[in-house]
């Protein structure tokens, strides 16, 4: 028989001690875990997955709000830039109009070819 100190405390019992000694209780717990480890692991994985999904949904909502705010800010900046350009007299051209103007212009953007070096004697 084991000493009373080897039994855990349990205030619900009249003796104030558990029914099993600590060593036996540890063996029983280990045996239960070995018999049910797959189920317990699946429960932990499911809990982690649920927590991950909840966090992802919260982040996704926050991301949507930030994207909407960025789009609103961008639209306001474009509007202010157009107003400023209008105020200083710069025409508001679309990219297609700019390309068309560049095609119609004489090729000032293309530099003239460099003259070839002279061959022969040095002057």
C-alpha atoms as a PDB file:
ATOM      1  CA  UNK A   1       0.000   0.000   0.000  1.00  0.00           C
ATOM      2  CA  UNK A   2       1.207   3.527  -0.716  1.00  0.00           C
ATOM      3  CA  UNK A   3       1.606   6.347   1.739  1.00  0.00           C
ATOM      4  CA  UNK A   4      -1.192   8.916   2.011  1.00  0.00           C
ATOM      5  CA  UNK A   5       1.116  11.652   0.689  1.00  0.00           C
ATOM      6  CA  UNK A   6       1.328   9.794  -2.658  1.00  0.00           C
ATOM      7  CA  UNK A   7      -2.366  10.488  -3.239  1.00  0.00           C
ATOM      8  CA  UNK A   8      -3.376  13.833  -4.683  1.00  0.00           C
ATOM      9  CA  UNK A   9      -5.662  16.227  -2.826  1.00  0.00           C
ATOM     10  CA  UNK A  10      -9.395  16.112  -3.575  1.00  0.00           C
ATOM     11  CA  UNK A  11     -11.634  18.209  -1.334  1.00  0.00           C
ATOM     12  CA  UNK A  12     -14.816  16.641  -2.769  1.00  0.00           C
ATOM     13  CA  UNK A  13     -13.992  13.332  -1.047  1.00  0.00           C
ATOM     14  CA  UNK A  14     -14.501  12.834   2.667  1.00  0.00           C
ATOM     15  CA  UNK A  15     -10.921  11.669   3.109  1.00  0.00           C
ATOM     16  CA  UNK A  16      -9.642  14.721   1.218  1.00  0.00           C
ATOM     17  CA  UNK A  17      -7.516  12.518  -1.042  1.00  0.00           C
ATOM     18  CA  UNK A  18      -7.983  11.073  -4.526  1.00  0.00           C
ATOM     19  CA  UNK A  19      -8.858   7.434  -5.190  1.00  0.00           C
ATOM     20  CA  UNK A  20      -5.719   6.686  -7.191  1.00  0.00           C
ATOM     21  CA  UNK A  21      -2.115   7.359  -6.247  1.00  0.00           C
ATOM     22  CA  UNK A  22      -0.172   9.824  -8.390  1.00  0.00           C
ATOM     23  CA  UNK A  23       1.848   7.122 -10.187  1.00  0.00           C
ATOM     24  CA  UNK A  24      -1.258   5.075 -11.046  1.00  0.00           C
ATOM     25  CA  UNK A  25      -3.148   8.197 -12.114  1.00  0.00           C
ATOM     26  CA  UNK A  26      -0.234   9.175 -14.374  1.00  0.00           C
ATOM     27  CA  UNK A  27      -0.248   5.672 -15.942  1.00  0.00           C
ATOM     28  CA  UNK A  28      -4.005   5.842 -16.512  1.00  0.00           C
ATOM     29  CA  UNK A  29      -3.692   9.301 -18.071  1.00  0.00           C
ATOM     30  CA  UNK A  30      -0.848   8.183 -20.340  1.00  0.00           C
ATOM     31  CA  UNK A  31      -2.826   5.089 -21.429  1.00  0.00           C
ATOM     32  CA  UNK A  32      -5.887   7.254 -22.179  1.00  0.00           C
ATOM     33  CA  UNK A  33      -3.782   9.686 -24.209  1.00  0.00           C
ATOM     34  CA  UNK A  34      -2.133   6.861 -26.184  1.00  0.00           C
ATOM     35  CA  UNK A  35      -5.563   5.354 -26.925  1.00  0.00           C
ATOM     36  CA  UNK A  36      -7.100   8.699 -28.007  1.00  0.00           C
ATOM     37  CA  UNK A  37      -4.141  10.688 -29.332  1.00  0.00           C
ATOM     38  CA  UNK A  38      -5.468  10.850 -32.907  1.00  0.00           C
ATOM     39  CA  UNK A  39      -8.810  12.276 -31.758  1.00  0.00           C
ATOM     40  CA  UNK A  40      -7.144  14.749 -29.415  1.00  0.00           C
ATOM     41  CA  UNK A  41      -4.747  15.860 -32.161  1.00  0.00           C
ATOM     42  CA  UNK A  42      -7.646  16.320 -34.592  1.00  0.00           C
ATOM     43  CA  UNK A  43      -9.456  18.487 -32.014  1.00  0.00           C
ATOM     44  CA  UNK A  44      -6.373  20.679 -31.532  1.00  0.00           C
ATOM     45  CA  UNK A  45      -5.921  21.032 -35.289  1.00  0.00           C
ATOM     46  CA  UNK A  46      -9.600  21.945 -35.711  1.00  0.00           C
ATOM     47  CA  UNK A  47      -9.350  24.567 -32.951  1.00  0.00           C
ATOM     48  CA  UNK A  48      -6.190  26.047 -34.540  1.00  0.00           C
ATOM     49  CA  UNK A  49      -7.851  26.084 -37.964  1.00  0.00           C
ATOM     50  CA  UNK A  50     -10.947  27.838 -36.581  1.00  0.00           C
ATOM     51  CA  UNK A  51      -8.788  30.455 -34.852  1.00  0.00           C
ATOM     52  CA  UNK A  52      -6.760  30.970 -38.045  1.00  0.00           C
ATOM     53  CA  UNK A  53      -9.937  31.400 -40.134  1.00  0.00           C
ATOM     54  CA  UNK A  54     -11.394  33.911 -37.683  1.00  0.00           C
ATOM     55  CA  UNK A  55      -8.164  35.923 -37.713  1.00  0.00           C
ATOM     56  CA  UNK A  56      -7.997  35.767 -41.521  1.00  0.00           C
ATOM     57  CA  UNK A  57     -11.560  37.028 -41.838  1.00  0.00           C
ATOM     58  CA  UNK A  58     -10.812  39.908 -39.474  1.00  0.00           C
ATOM     59  CA  UNK A  59      -7.672  40.793 -41.437  1.00  0.00           C
ATOM     60  CA  UNK A  60      -9.573  40.498 -44.716  1.00  0.00           C
ATOM     61  CA  UNK A  61     -12.201  42.964 -43.498  1.00  0.00           C
ATOM     62  CA  UNK A  62      -9.482  45.370 -42.363  1.00  0.00           C
ATOM     63  CA  UNK A  63      -7.763  45.002 -45.735  1.00  0.00           C
ATOM     64  CA  UNK A  64     -11.004  45.803 -47.579  1.00  0.00           C
ATOM     65  CA  UNK A  65     -11.397  48.970 -45.528  1.00  0.00           C
ATOM     66  CA  UNK A  66      -7.805  50.037 -46.232  1.00  0.00           C
ATOM     67  CA  UNK A  67      -8.160  49.400 -49.966  1.00  0.00           C
ATOM     68  CA  UNK A  68     -11.382  51.430 -50.071  1.00  0.00           C
ATOM     69  CA  UNK A  69      -9.694  54.282 -48.194  1.00  0.00           C
ATOM     70  CA  UNK A  70      -6.693  54.169 -50.560  1.00  0.00           C
ATOM     71  CA  UNK A  71      -8.970  54.282 -53.609  1.00  0.00           C
ATOM     72  CA  UNK A  72     -10.853  57.255 -52.184  1.00  0.00           C
ATOM     73  CA  UNK A  73      -7.595  59.041 -51.412  1.00  0.00           C
ATOM     74  CA  UNK A  74      -6.230  58.337 -54.896  1.00  0.00           C
ATOM     75  CA  UNK A  75      -9.389  59.656 -56.553  1.00  0.00           C
ATOM     76  CA  UNK A  76      -9.159  62.851 -54.483  1.00  0.00           C
ATOM     77  CA  UNK A  77      -5.485  63.299 -55.386  1.00  0.00           C
ATOM     78  CA  UNK A  78      -6.202  62.823 -59.102  1.00  0.00           C
ATOM     79  CA  UNK A  79      -9.047  65.335 -58.898  1.00  0.00           C
ATOM     80  CA  UNK A  80      -6.816  67.888 -57.122  1.00  0.00           C
ATOM     81  CA  UNK A  81      -4.017  67.362 -59.653  1.00  0.00           C
ATOM     82  CA  UNK A  82      -6.402  67.900 -62.586  1.00  0.00           C
ATOM     83  CA  UNK A  83      -7.734  71.066 -60.967  1.00  0.00           C
ATOM     84  CA  UNK A  84      -4.193  72.337 -60.429  1.00  0.00           C
ATOM     85  CA  UNK A  85      -3.121  71.569 -63.999  1.00  0.00           C
ATOM     86  CA  UNK A  86      -6.237  73.321 -65.304  1.00  0.00           C
ATOM     87  CA  UNK A  87      -5.469  76.346 -63.140  1.00  0.00           C
ATOM     88  CA  UNK A  88      -1.947  76.715 -64.588  1.00  0.00           C
ATOM     89  CA  UNK A  89      -3.157  76.151 -68.163  1.00  0.00           C
ATOM     90  CA  UNK A  90      -1.851  72.668 -68.892  1.00  0.00           C
ATOM     91  CA  UNK A  91      -4.230  70.760 -71.209  1.00  0.00           C
ATOM     92  CA  UNK A  92      -5.774  67.592 -69.783  1.00  0.00           C
ATOM     93  CA  UNK A  93      -4.817  64.884 -72.285  1.00  0.00           C
ATOM     94  CA  UNK A  94      -5.487  61.175 -72.191  1.00  0.00           C
ATOM     95  CA  UNK A  95      -2.568  58.768 -72.752  1.00  0.00           C
ATOM     96  CA  UNK A  96      -3.887  58.072 -76.269  1.00  0.00           C
ATOM     97  CA  UNK A  97      -3.925  61.781 -77.114  1.00  0.00           C
ATOM     98  CA  UNK A  98      -0.361  62.157 -75.828  1.00  0.00           C
ATOM     99  CA  UNK A  99       0.783  59.231 -77.993  1.00  0.00           C
ATOM    100  CA  UNK A 100      -0.966  60.715 -81.041  1.00  0.00           C
ATOM    101  CA  UNK A 101       0.673  64.109 -80.478  1.00  0.00           C
ATOM    102  CA  UNK A 102       4.072  62.470 -80.137  1.00  0.00           C
ATOM    103  CA  UNK A 103       3.579  60.615 -83.433  1.00  0.00           C
ATOM    104  CA  UNK A 104       2.577  63.807 -85.273  1.00  0.00           C
ATOM    105  CA  UNK A 105       5.567  65.776 -83.966  1.00  0.00           C
ATOM    106  CA  UNK A 106       8.798  65.836 -85.863  1.00  0.00           C
ATOM    107  CA  UNK A 107      11.124  63.425 -84.166  1.00  0.00           C
ATOM    108  CA  UNK A 108      12.684  65.903 -81.817  1.00  0.00           C
ATOM    109  CA  UNK A 109      12.841  63.274 -79.139  1.00  0.00           C
ATOM    110  CA  UNK A 110      15.138  61.106 -81.267  1.00  0.00           C
ATOM    111  CA  UNK A 111      18.639  62.622 -81.235  1.00  0.00           C
ATOM    112  CA  UNK A 112      20.467  63.197 -84.506  1.00  0.00           C
ATOM    113  CA  UNK A 113      23.155  60.646 -85.262  1.00  0.00           C
ATOM    114  CA  UNK A 114      26.662  61.576 -84.218  1.00  0.00           C
ATOM    115  CA  UNK A 115      29.128  62.339 -87.025  1.00  0.00           C
ATOM    116  CA  UNK A 116      31.554  59.563 -87.792  1.00  0.00           C
ATOM    117  CA  UNK A 117      35.175  60.171 -86.798  1.00  0.00           C
ATOM    118  CA  UNK A 118      37.565  61.051 -89.611  1.00  0.00           C
ATOM    119  CA  UNK A 119      39.863  58.419 -90.860  1.00  0.00           C
ATOM    120  CA  UNK A 120      43.334  59.051 -91.968  1.00  0.00           C
ATOM    121  CA  UNK A 121      46.012  61.321 -90.673  1.00  0.00           C
ATOM    122  CA  UNK A 122      45.620  63.416 -87.592  1.00  0.00           C
ATOM    123  CA  UNK A 123      45.319  67.145 -88.399  1.00  0.00           C
END
